[in-house]
Amino acid sequence: MKDPPAGWTRITPTVLYDDAAAALEWLAGAFGFIVRVRVEDDRGRIVHSQLVLDGGLLMVGQAGLSPDRSYLASPRAAGGANTQALVVHVDDADAHCERARAAGAVIVAEPETQDYGEGYWADRTYQARDPEGHNWWFVERVRG
């Protein structure tokens, strides 16, 4: 298998927002993502973006840009339904949670240590929901 392009990971999730431009700003401020690429159409809608965080890559897109992709929607537009959750590894789950909370994230599950037993690992995790309803898990490895 050929390597992905430089700066890309083998698997790159894409999340869709009704207001992708606002989502880019919010994700940078609340979760610490860095916007690496931001491409807008002539109406200011995000047609492509790339966000990075410590070696991870995420694309954020504008829902509803084309009729042939009308099945793509944000959780807000789908009545809050999620078919996925995003997991992001961070250095300090507690500090990250406080940053997200201060930016307006709904903290669904407070930071808690999950110990998977001898021979496995322990993580400190919390769950947050962004303004359009995407669920995010942030994980700090504490033993492993």
C-alpha atoms as a PDB file:
ATOM      1  CA  MET A   1       0.000   0.000   0.000  1.00  0.00           C
ATOM      2  CA  LYS A   2       1.298   3.449  -0.851  1.00  0.00           C
ATOM      3  CA  ASP A   3       1.697   5.987   1.926  1.00  0.00           C
ATOM      4  CA  PRO A   4      -0.933   8.733   2.153  1.00  0.00           C
ATOM      5  CA  PRO A   5       0.081  12.241   1.067  1.00  0.00           C
ATOM      6  CA  ALA A   6       2.496  14.069   3.355  1.00  0.00           C
ATOM      7  CA  GLY A   7       0.670  15.422   6.405  1.00  0.00           C
ATOM      8  CA  TRP A   8      -2.267  13.033   6.041  1.00  0.00           C
ATOM      9  CA  THR A   9      -3.167  10.060   8.213  1.00  0.00           C
ATOM     10  CA  ARG A  10      -4.412   6.728   6.816  1.00  0.00           C
ATOM     11  CA  ILE A  11      -7.884   7.365   8.202  1.00  0.00           C
ATOM     12  CA  THR A  12      -9.200  10.917   8.203  1.00  0.00           C
ATOM     13  CA  PRO A  13     -12.654  11.498   9.653  1.00  0.00           C
ATOM     14  CA  THR A  14     -14.893  14.212   8.269  1.00  0.00           C
ATOM     15  CA  VAL A  15     -17.594  15.884  10.327  1.00  0.00           C
ATOM     16  CA  LEU A  16     -20.328  18.029   8.841  1.00  0.00           C
ATOM     17  CA  TYR A  17     -21.859  21.174  10.260  1.00  0.00           C
ATOM     18  CA  ASP A  18     -24.759  23.398   9.288  1.00  0.00           C
ATOM     19  CA  ASP A  19     -22.369  26.304   9.900  1.00  0.00           C
ATOM     20  CA  ALA A  20     -18.928  24.900   9.141  1.00  0.00           C
ATOM     21  CA  ALA A  21     -17.244  28.331   9.265  1.00  0.00           C
ATOM     22  CA  ALA A  22     -18.416  28.868  12.852  1.00  0.00           C
ATOM     23  CA  ALA A  23     -17.479  25.279  13.697  1.00  0.00           C
ATOM     24  CA  LEU A  24     -13.875  25.823  12.582  1.00  0.00           C
ATOM     25  CA  GLU A  25     -13.500  28.769  14.932  1.00  0.00           C
ATOM     26  CA  TRP A  26     -15.231  26.950  17.778  1.00  0.00           C
ATOM     27  CA  LEU A  27     -13.196  23.742  17.397  1.00  0.00           C
ATOM     28  CA  ALA A  28      -9.970  25.752  17.448  1.00  0.00           C
ATOM     29  CA  GLY A  29     -10.954  27.715  20.538  1.00  0.00           C
ATOM     30  CA  ALA A  30     -12.637  24.949  22.523  1.00  0.00           C
ATOM     31  CA  PHE A  31     -10.640  21.857  21.638  1.00  0.00           C
ATOM     32  CA  GLY A  32      -7.324  23.309  20.449  1.00  0.00           C
ATOM     33  CA  PHE A  33      -7.433  22.258  16.799  1.00  0.00           C
ATOM     34  CA  ILE A  34      -5.319  24.251  14.354  1.00  0.00           C
ATOM     35  CA  VAL A  35      -6.941  25.099  11.018  1.00  0.00           C
ATOM     36  CA  ARG A  36      -4.375  24.029   8.415  1.00  0.00           C
ATOM     37  CA  VAL A  37      -6.534  24.489   5.298  1.00  0.00           C
ATOM     38  CA  ARG A  38      -9.724  26.507   4.844  1.00  0.00           C
ATOM     39  CA  VAL A  39     -11.346  26.677   1.388  1.00  0.00           C
ATOM     40  CA  GLU A  40     -14.490  28.765   0.937  1.00  0.00           C
ATOM     41  CA  ASP A  41     -16.862  29.121  -1.981  1.00  0.00           C
ATOM     42  CA  ASP A  42     -17.982  32.523  -3.300  1.00  0.00           C
ATOM     43  CA  ARG A  43     -20.687  32.648  -0.586  1.00  0.00           C
ATOM     44  CA  GLY A  44     -18.226  32.054   2.267  1.00  0.00           C
ATOM     45  CA  ARG A  45     -19.271  28.434   2.857  1.00  0.00           C
ATOM     46  CA  ILE A  46     -16.587  25.909   3.744  1.00  0.00           C
ATOM     47  CA  VAL A  47     -16.078  23.511   0.839  1.00  0.00           C
ATOM     48  CA  HIS A  48     -12.993  21.896   2.364  1.00  0.00           C
ATOM     49  CA  SER A  49     -10.992  22.259   5.535  1.00  0.00           C
ATOM     50  CA  GLN A  50      -8.287  20.416   7.398  1.00  0.00           C
ATOM     51  CA  LEU A  51      -7.764  20.699  11.136  1.00  0.00           C
ATOM     52  CA  VAL A  52      -4.776  19.202  12.921  1.00  0.00           C
ATOM     53  CA  LEU A  53      -3.982  18.352  16.507  1.00  0.00           C
ATOM     54  CA  ASP A  54      -0.766  16.615  17.554  1.00  0.00           C
ATOM     55  CA  GLY A  55      -0.453  14.457  14.440  1.00  0.00           C
ATOM     56  CA  GLY A  56      -4.184  13.886  13.966  1.00  0.00           C
ATOM     57  CA  LEU A  57      -6.123  15.176  10.981  1.00  0.00           C
ATOM     58  CA  LEU A  58      -9.813  16.025  10.781  1.00  0.00           C
ATOM     59  CA  MET A  59     -11.808  17.490   7.927  1.00  0.00           C
ATOM     60  CA  VAL A  60     -14.824  19.724   8.580  1.00  0.00           C
ATOM     61  CA  GLY A  61     -17.367  20.324   5.872  1.00  0.00           C
ATOM     62  CA  GLN A  62     -20.495  22.302   5.207  1.00  0.00           C
ATOM     63  CA  ALA A  63     -23.626  20.150   5.168  1.00  0.00           C
ATOM     64  CA  GLY A  64     -26.068  20.652   2.303  1.00  0.00           C
ATOM     65  CA  LEU A  65     -23.671  22.003  -0.306  1.00  0.00           C
ATOM     66  CA  SER A  66     -24.851  19.728  -3.094  1.00  0.00           C
ATOM     67  CA  PRO A  67     -28.123  17.874  -3.798  1.00  0.00           C
ATOM     68  CA  ASP A  68     -26.303  14.607  -4.561  1.00  0.00           C
ATOM     69  CA  ARG A  69     -25.018  14.604  -0.974  1.00  0.00           C
ATOM     70  CA  SER A  70     -28.251  15.526   0.766  1.00  0.00           C
ATOM     71  CA  TYR A  71     -27.884  12.456   2.996  1.00  0.00           C
ATOM     72  CA  LEU A  72     -24.954  14.171   4.756  1.00  0.00           C
ATOM     73  CA  ALA A  73     -26.120  16.199   7.741  1.00  0.00           C
ATOM     74  CA  SER A  74     -25.008  17.532  11.092  1.00  0.00           C
ATOM     75  CA  PRO A  75     -26.477  15.921  14.220  1.00  0.00           C
ATOM     76  CA  ARG A  76     -28.462  19.121  14.815  1.00  0.00           C
ATOM     77  CA  ALA A  77     -30.192  18.685  11.461  1.00  0.00           C
ATOM     78  CA  ALA A  78     -30.759  14.978  12.194  1.00  0.00           C
ATOM     79  CA  GLY A  79     -32.626  15.559  15.455  1.00  0.00           C
ATOM     80  CA  GLY A  80     -29.476  15.054  17.528  1.00  0.00           C
ATOM     81  CA  ALA A  81     -28.707  11.601  16.140  1.00  0.00           C
ATOM     82  CA  ASN A  82     -25.064  10.554  15.928  1.00  0.00           C
ATOM     83  CA  THR A  83     -23.722   7.600  13.993  1.00  0.00           C
ATOM     84  CA  GLN A  84     -20.204   8.159  15.242  1.00  0.00           C
ATOM     85  CA  ALA A  85     -18.178   9.642  18.060  1.00  0.00           C
ATOM     86  CA  LEU A  86     -14.727  11.095  17.713  1.00  0.00           C
ATOM     87  CA  VAL A  87     -11.901  10.055  20.054  1.00  0.00           C
ATOM     88  CA  VAL A  88      -8.966  12.429  20.507  1.00  0.00           C
ATOM     89  CA  HIS A  89      -5.910  11.751  22.670  1.00  0.00           C
ATOM     90  CA  VAL A  90      -4.784  14.727  24.743  1.00  0.00           C
ATOM     91  CA  ASP A  91      -2.019  15.353  27.283  1.00  0.00           C
ATOM     92  CA  ASP A  92      -4.223  16.539  30.171  1.00  0.00           C
ATOM     93  CA  ALA A  93      -7.893  15.522  30.094  1.00  0.00           C
ATOM     94  CA  ASP A  94      -8.859  17.674  33.100  1.00  0.00           C
ATOM     95  CA  ALA A  95      -7.344  20.877  31.716  1.00  0.00           C
ATOM     96  CA  HIS A  96      -8.742  20.118  28.269  1.00  0.00           C
ATOM     97  CA  CYS A  97     -12.207  19.605  29.765  1.00  0.00           C
ATOM     98  CA  GLU A  98     -12.076  22.970  31.512  1.00  0.00           C
ATOM     99  CA  ARG A  99     -11.035  24.689  28.271  1.00  0.00           C
ATOM    100  CA  ALA A 100     -13.914  23.031  26.407  1.00  0.00           C
ATOM    101  CA  ARG A 101     -16.405  23.881  29.163  1.00  0.00           C
ATOM    102  CA  ALA A 102     -15.302  27.538  29.177  1.00  0.00           C
ATOM    103  CA  ALA A 103     -15.878  27.662  25.406  1.00  0.00           C
ATOM    104  CA  GLY A 104     -19.429  26.362  25.795  1.00  0.00           C
ATOM    105  CA  ALA A 105     -19.073  22.621  25.214  1.00  0.00           C
ATOM    106  CA  VAL A 106     -21.704  20.499  26.924  1.00  0.00           C
ATOM    107  CA  ILE A 107     -19.787  18.145  29.186  1.00  0.00           C
ATOM    108  CA  VAL A 108     -21.704  14.888  28.910  1.00  0.00           C
ATOM    109  CA  ALA A 109     -19.338  12.910  31.149  1.00  0.00           C
ATOM    110  CA  GLU A 110     -16.878  14.526  33.545  1.00  0.00           C
ATOM    111  CA  PRO A 111     -13.242  13.385  33.525  1.00  0.00           C
ATOM    112  CA  GLU A 112     -12.929   9.942  35.050  1.00  0.00           C
ATOM    113  CA  THR A 113     -10.194   7.332  35.096  1.00  0.00           C
ATOM    114  CA  GLN A 114     -11.064   4.082  33.320  1.00  0.00           C
ATOM    115  CA  ASP A 115      -8.787   1.221  34.391  1.00  0.00           C
ATOM    116  CA  TYR A 116      -8.962  -1.758  32.052  1.00  0.00           C
ATOM    117  CA  GLY A 117      -7.007  -3.990  34.399  1.00  0.00           C
ATOM    118  CA  GLU A 118      -3.593  -5.530  34.807  1.00  0.00           C
ATOM    119  CA  GLY A 119      -1.948  -6.116  31.478  1.00  0.00           C
ATOM    120  CA  TYR A 120      -3.976  -3.443  29.726  1.00  0.00           C
ATOM    121  CA  TRP A 121      -4.088   0.313  30.290  1.00  0.00           C
ATOM    122  CA  ALA A 122      -5.788   3.089  32.185  1.00  0.00           C
ATOM    123  CA  ASP A 123      -7.139   6.269  30.607  1.00  0.00           C
ATOM    124  CA  ARG A 124      -8.572   9.478  31.991  1.00  0.00           C
ATOM    125  CA  THR A 125     -11.495  10.395  29.734  1.00  0.00           C
ATOM    126  CA  TYR A 126     -14.346  12.821  29.379  1.00  0.00           C
ATOM    127  CA  GLN A 127     -17.117  13.277  26.845  1.00  0.00           C
ATOM    128  CA  ALA A 128     -18.190  16.595  25.332  1.00  0.00           C
ATOM    129  CA  ARG A 129     -20.847  17.645  22.842  1.00  0.00           C
ATOM    130  CA  ASP A 130     -20.189  20.540  20.480  1.00  0.00           C
ATOM    131  CA  PRO A 131     -22.774  23.210  19.548  1.00  0.00           C
ATOM    132  CA  GLU A 132     -24.179  21.178  16.635  1.00  0.00           C
ATOM    133  CA  GLY A 133     -24.361  17.912  18.572  1.00  0.00           C
ATOM    134  CA  HIS A 134     -21.228  15.974  17.611  1.00  0.00           C
ATOM    135  CA  ASN A 135     -19.985  13.772  20.463  1.00  0.00           C
ATOM    136  CA  TRP A 136     -16.297  13.856  21.299  1.00  0.00           C
ATOM    137  CA  TRP A 137     -14.307  11.679  23.714  1.00  0.00           C
ATOM    138  CA  PHE A 138     -11.001  13.067  24.956  1.00  0.00           C
ATOM    139  CA  VAL A 139      -8.570  10.534  26.357  1.00  0.00           C
ATOM    140  CA  GLU A 140      -5.385  10.911  28.409  1.00  0.00           C
ATOM    141  CA  ARG A 141      -3.343   7.714  28.785  1.00  0.00           C
ATOM    142  CA  VAL A 142      -2.347   7.428  32.452  1.00  0.00           C
ATOM    143  CA  ARG A 143      -0.950   3.869  32.392  1.00  0.00           C
ATOM    144  CA  GLY A 144      -0.083   1.699  29.511  1.00  0.00           C
END
